[in-house]
PDB file of N, CA and C in Angstrom:
ATOM      1  N   UNK A   1       0.785  -1.098   0.112  1.00  0.00           N
ATOM      2  CA  UNK A   1       0.165  -0.302  -0.114  1.00  0.00           C
ATOM      3  C   UNK A   1       0.547   1.175   0.179  1.00  0.00           C
ATOM      4  N   UNK A   2       0.459   2.149  -0.766  1.00  0.00           N
ATOM      5  CA  UNK A   2       1.058   3.473  -0.969  1.00  0.00           C
ATOM      6  C   UNK A   2       0.704   4.575   0.037  1.00  0.00           C
ATOM      7  N   UNK A   3       1.216   5.188   0.940  1.00  0.00           N
ATOM      8  CA  UNK A   3       0.937   6.624   1.552  1.00  0.00           C
ATOM      9  C   UNK A   3       1.196   8.082   0.864  1.00  0.00           C
ATOM     10  N   UNK A   4       0.575   8.550   0.925  1.00  0.00           N
ATOM     11  CA  UNK A   4       0.497   9.931   0.362  1.00  0.00           C
ATOM     12  C   UNK A   4       0.552  11.075   1.415  1.00  0.00           C
ATOM     13  N   UNK A   5       0.780  12.271   1.616  1.00  0.00           N
ATOM     14  CA  UNK A   5       0.699  13.495   2.605  1.00  0.00           C
ATOM     15  C   UNK A   5       0.604  14.604   2.076  1.00  0.00           C
ATOM     16  N   UNK A   6      -0.570  15.163   2.399  1.00  0.00           N
ATOM     17  CA  UNK A   6      -1.431  16.238   1.985  1.00  0.00           C
ATOM     18  C   UNK A   6      -0.909  17.367   3.030  1.00  0.00           C
ATOM     19  N   UNK A   7      -0.099  18.668   2.593  1.00  0.00           N
ATOM     20  CA  UNK A   7      -0.258  19.719   3.871  1.00  0.00           C
ATOM     21  C   UNK A   7      -0.754  21.259   2.956  1.00  0.00           C
ATOM     22  N   UNK A   8      -0.987  21.778   3.911  1.00  0.00           N
ATOM     23  CA  UNK A   8      -1.352  23.506   3.568  1.00  0.00           C
ATOM     24  C   UNK A   8      -0.438  24.319   4.384  1.00  0.00           C
ATOM     25  N   UNK A   9       0.083  25.117   3.898  1.00  0.00           N
ATOM     26  CA  UNK A   9       1.125  25.874   3.809  1.00  0.00           C
ATOM     27  C   UNK A   9       0.524  27.250   4.775  1.00  0.00           C
ATOM     28  N   UNK A  10      -0.006  27.245   5.451  1.00  0.00           N
ATOM     29  CA  UNK A  10      -1.158  27.962   6.162  1.00  0.00           C
ATOM     30  C   UNK A  10      -1.045  28.185   7.535  1.00  0.00           C
ATOM     31  N   UNK A  11      -1.069  29.583   8.427  1.00  0.00           N
ATOM     32  CA  UNK A  11      -1.193  29.573   9.932  1.00  0.00           C
ATOM     33  C   UNK A  11      -2.675  30.056  10.180  1.00  0.00           C
ATOM     34  N   UNK A  12      -2.474  29.889  11.712  1.00  0.00           N
ATOM     35  CA  UNK A  12      -3.831  30.185  12.218  1.00  0.00           C
ATOM     36  C   UNK A  12      -4.037  31.610  12.859  1.00  0.00           C
ATOM     37  N   UNK A  13      -2.669  32.143  12.871  1.00  0.00           N
ATOM     38  CA  UNK A  13      -2.444  33.463  13.502  1.00  0.00           C
ATOM     39  C   UNK A  13      -1.285  34.258  13.030  1.00  0.00           C
ATOM     40  N   UNK A  14      -1.705  35.570  12.604  1.00  0.00           N
ATOM     41  CA  UNK A  14      -0.311  35.697  11.980  1.00  0.00           C
ATOM     42  C   UNK A  14       0.861  36.456  12.090  1.00  0.00           C
ATOM     43  N   UNK A  15       0.734  36.562  13.653  1.00  0.00           N
ATOM     44  CA  UNK A  15       1.964  36.723  14.252  1.00  0.00           C
ATOM     45  C   UNK A  15       2.819  35.279  14.141  1.00  0.00           C
ATOM     46  N   UNK A  16       2.688  34.434  13.582  1.00  0.00           N
ATOM     47  CA  UNK A  16       3.665  33.384  13.352  1.00  0.00           C
ATOM     48  C   UNK A  16       4.192  33.345  11.961  1.00  0.00           C
ATOM     49  N   UNK A  17       5.806  33.907  11.862  1.00  0.00           N
ATOM     50  CA  UNK A  17       6.271  33.694  10.761  1.00  0.00           C
ATOM     51  C   UNK A  17       6.242  32.838   9.643  1.00  0.00           C
ATOM     52  N   UNK A  18       5.786  33.139   8.474  1.00  0.00           N
ATOM     53  CA  UNK A  18       6.020  31.879   7.338  1.00  0.00           C
ATOM     54  C   UNK A  18       6.880  31.301   7.362  1.00  0.00           C
ATOM     55  N   UNK A  19       8.173  31.850   8.077  1.00  0.00           N
ATOM     56  CA  UNK A  19       9.538  30.753   7.692  1.00  0.00           C
ATOM     57  C   UNK A  19       9.074  29.631   8.587  1.00  0.00           C
ATOM     58  N   UNK A  20       8.675  30.105   9.928  1.00  0.00           N
ATOM     59  CA  UNK A  20       8.672  28.962  10.958  1.00  0.00           C
ATOM     60  C   UNK A  20       7.223  27.604  10.741  1.00  0.00           C
ATOM     61  N   UNK A  21       6.359  28.191   9.536  1.00  0.00           N
ATOM     62  CA  UNK A  21       5.239  27.487   8.998  1.00  0.00           C
ATOM     63  C   UNK A  21       6.142  26.457   7.868  1.00  0.00           C
ATOM     64  N   UNK A  22       6.954  26.965   7.062  1.00  0.00           N
ATOM     65  CA  UNK A  22       7.635  26.232   6.514  1.00  0.00           C
ATOM     66  C   UNK A  22       8.800  25.535   6.877  1.00  0.00           C
ATOM     67  N   UNK A  23       9.502  25.789   7.957  1.00  0.00           N
ATOM     68  CA  UNK A  23      10.362  24.702   8.747  1.00  0.00           C
ATOM     69  C   UNK A  23       9.183  23.936   9.045  1.00  0.00           C
ATOM     70  N   UNK A  24       8.079  24.026  10.076  1.00  0.00           N
ATOM     71  CA  UNK A  24       7.458  22.704  10.649  1.00  0.00           C
ATOM     72  C   UNK A  24       7.125  22.038   9.067  1.00  0.00           C
ATOM     73  N   UNK A  25       6.646  22.524   8.238  1.00  0.00           N
ATOM     74  CA  UNK A  25       6.201  21.846   6.988  1.00  0.00           C
ATOM     75  C   UNK A  25       7.040  20.754   6.653  1.00  0.00           C
ATOM     76  N   UNK A  26       8.430  21.318   6.435  1.00  0.00           N
ATOM     77  CA  UNK A  26       9.570  20.567   6.087  1.00  0.00           C
ATOM     78  C   UNK A  26       9.774  19.471   6.738  1.00  0.00           C
ATOM     79  N   UNK A  27       9.588  19.993   8.155  1.00  0.00           N
ATOM     80  CA  UNK A  27       9.846  18.570   9.099  1.00  0.00           C
ATOM     81  C   UNK A  27       8.953  17.729   8.917  1.00  0.00           C
ATOM     82  N   UNK A  28       7.517  18.025   8.960  1.00  0.00           N
ATOM     83  CA  UNK A  28       6.355  17.139   8.583  1.00  0.00           C
ATOM     84  C   UNK A  28       6.779  15.829   7.489  1.00  0.00           C
ATOM     85  N   UNK A  29       6.816  16.700   6.191  1.00  0.00           N
ATOM     86  CA  UNK A  29       7.447  16.368   5.166  1.00  0.00           C
ATOM     87  C   UNK A  29       8.808  15.102   5.291  1.00  0.00           C
ATOM     88  N   UNK A  30       9.838  15.543   5.942  1.00  0.00           N
ATOM     89  CA  UNK A  30      10.990  14.631   6.078  1.00  0.00           C
ATOM     90  C   UNK A  30      10.662  13.313   6.881  1.00  0.00           C
ATOM     91  N   UNK A  31       9.628  13.411   7.787  1.00  0.00           N
ATOM     92  CA  UNK A  31       9.068  12.603   9.108  1.00  0.00           C
ATOM     93  C   UNK A  31       8.099  11.755   8.126  1.00  0.00           C
ATOM     94  N   UNK A  32       7.469  12.175   6.984  1.00  0.00           N
ATOM     95  CA  UNK A  32       6.908  10.880   6.401  1.00  0.00           C
ATOM     96  C   UNK A  32       7.643  10.752   5.032  1.00  0.00           C
ATOM     97  N   UNK A  33       8.459  10.793   4.779  1.00  0.00           N
ATOM     98  CA  UNK A  33       9.460  10.343   3.883  1.00  0.00           C
ATOM     99  C   UNK A  33      10.213   8.998   4.747  1.00  0.00           C
ATOM    100  N   UNK A  34      10.863   9.435   5.772  1.00  0.00           N
ATOM    101  CA  UNK A  34      11.459   8.649   6.818  1.00  0.00           C
ATOM    102  C   UNK A  34      10.477   7.386   6.952  1.00  0.00           C
ATOM    103  N   UNK A  35       9.216   7.858   7.211  1.00  0.00           N
ATOM    104  CA  UNK A  35       8.127   6.521   7.722  1.00  0.00           C
ATOM    105  C   UNK A  35       7.801   5.871   6.116  1.00  0.00           C
ATOM    106  N   UNK A  36       8.134   6.076   4.912  1.00  0.00           N
ATOM    107  CA  UNK A  36       7.543   5.434   3.811  1.00  0.00           C
ATOM    108  C   UNK A  36       6.754   5.807   3.082  1.00  0.00           C
ATOM    109  N   UNK A  37       6.344   7.319   3.458  1.00  0.00           N
ATOM    110  CA  UNK A  37       5.367   7.743   2.309  1.00  0.00           C
ATOM    111  C   UNK A  37       6.203   7.980   1.271  1.00  0.00           C
ATOM    112  N   UNK A  38       4.973   7.948   0.264  1.00  0.00           N
ATOM    113  CA  UNK A  38       5.416   7.812  -1.338  1.00  0.00           C
ATOM    114  C   UNK A  38       5.412   9.322  -1.736  1.00  0.00           C
ATOM    115  N   UNK A  39       4.576  10.162  -1.444  1.00  0.00           N
ATOM    116  CA  UNK A  39       4.134  11.616  -2.037  1.00  0.00           C
ATOM    117  C   UNK A  39       3.824  12.386  -1.018  1.00  0.00           C
ATOM    118  N   UNK A  40       4.157  13.710  -1.016  1.00  0.00           N
ATOM    119  CA  UNK A  40       3.837  14.440  -0.330  1.00  0.00           C
ATOM    120  C   UNK A  40       3.324  15.913  -1.381  1.00  0.00           C
ATOM    121  N   UNK A  41       1.994  16.241  -0.847  1.00  0.00           N
ATOM    122  CA  UNK A  41       1.053  17.060  -1.859  1.00  0.00           C
ATOM    123  C   UNK A  41       1.076  18.643  -1.033  1.00  0.00           C
ATOM    124  N   UNK A  42       1.631  19.699  -1.628  1.00  0.00           N
ATOM    125  CA  UNK A  42       1.509  20.948  -0.878  1.00  0.00           C
ATOM    126  C   UNK A  42       0.621  21.898  -1.864  1.00  0.00           C
ATOM    127  N   UNK A  43      -0.460  21.963  -1.112  1.00  0.00           N
ATOM    128  CA  UNK A  43      -1.663  22.899  -2.011  1.00  0.00           C
ATOM    129  C   UNK A  43      -1.212  24.376  -1.653  1.00  0.00           C
ATOM    130  N   UNK A  44      -1.616  25.077  -2.976  1.00  0.00           N
ATOM    131  CA  UNK A  44      -1.088  26.539  -2.752  1.00  0.00           C
ATOM    132  C   UNK A  44      -2.217  26.921  -2.686  1.00  0.00           C
ATOM    133  N   UNK A  45      -2.389  28.312  -1.972  1.00  0.00           N
ATOM    134  CA  UNK A  45      -3.584  29.315  -1.991  1.00  0.00           C
ATOM    135  C   UNK A  45      -3.085  30.595  -1.682  1.00  0.00           C
ATOM    136  N   UNK A  46      -3.230  31.366  -2.904  1.00  0.00           N
ATOM    137  CA  UNK A  46      -2.894  32.576  -3.383  1.00  0.00           C
ATOM    138  C   UNK A  46      -4.052  33.544  -3.014  1.00  0.00           C
ATOM    139  N   UNK A  47      -3.582  34.479  -2.582  1.00  0.00           N
ATOM    140  CA  UNK A  47      -4.310  35.811  -2.353  1.00  0.00           C
ATOM    141  C   UNK A  47      -5.000  35.507  -0.986  1.00  0.00           C
ATOM    142  N   UNK A  48      -4.447  34.547  -0.326  1.00  0.00           N
ATOM    143  CA  UNK A  48      -5.150  34.169   1.544  1.00  0.00           C
ATOM    144  C   UNK A  48      -4.292  35.234   2.208  1.00  0.00           C
ATOM    145  N   UNK A  49      -5.187  35.979   2.925  1.00  0.00           N
ATOM    146  CA  UNK A  49      -4.018  36.680   4.557  1.00  0.00           C
ATOM    147  C   UNK A  49      -3.138  35.976   4.794  1.00  0.00           C
ATOM    148  N   UNK A  50      -4.115  34.473   5.095  1.00  0.00           N
ATOM    149  CA  UNK A  50      -2.762  33.692   6.439  1.00  0.00           C
ATOM    150  C   UNK A  50      -1.979  32.746   5.607  1.00  0.00           C
ATOM    151  N   UNK A  51      -1.799  32.842   4.390  1.00  0.00           N
ATOM    152  CA  UNK A  51      -0.652  31.952   3.797  1.00  0.00           C
ATOM    153  C   UNK A  51       0.636  33.132   2.859  1.00  0.00           C
TER     154      UNK A  51
END
């Protein structure tokens, strides 16, 4: 069975730096890769305040 990961690069609080969101997302993808996940999907949300 193949597993995929879907992630949103979003923040729930605009006081959180996008760099921190990026770093957190990269850690999640790295952990998924180490666990044997095949693909990581990253959604793009243009023109949203919290992305």
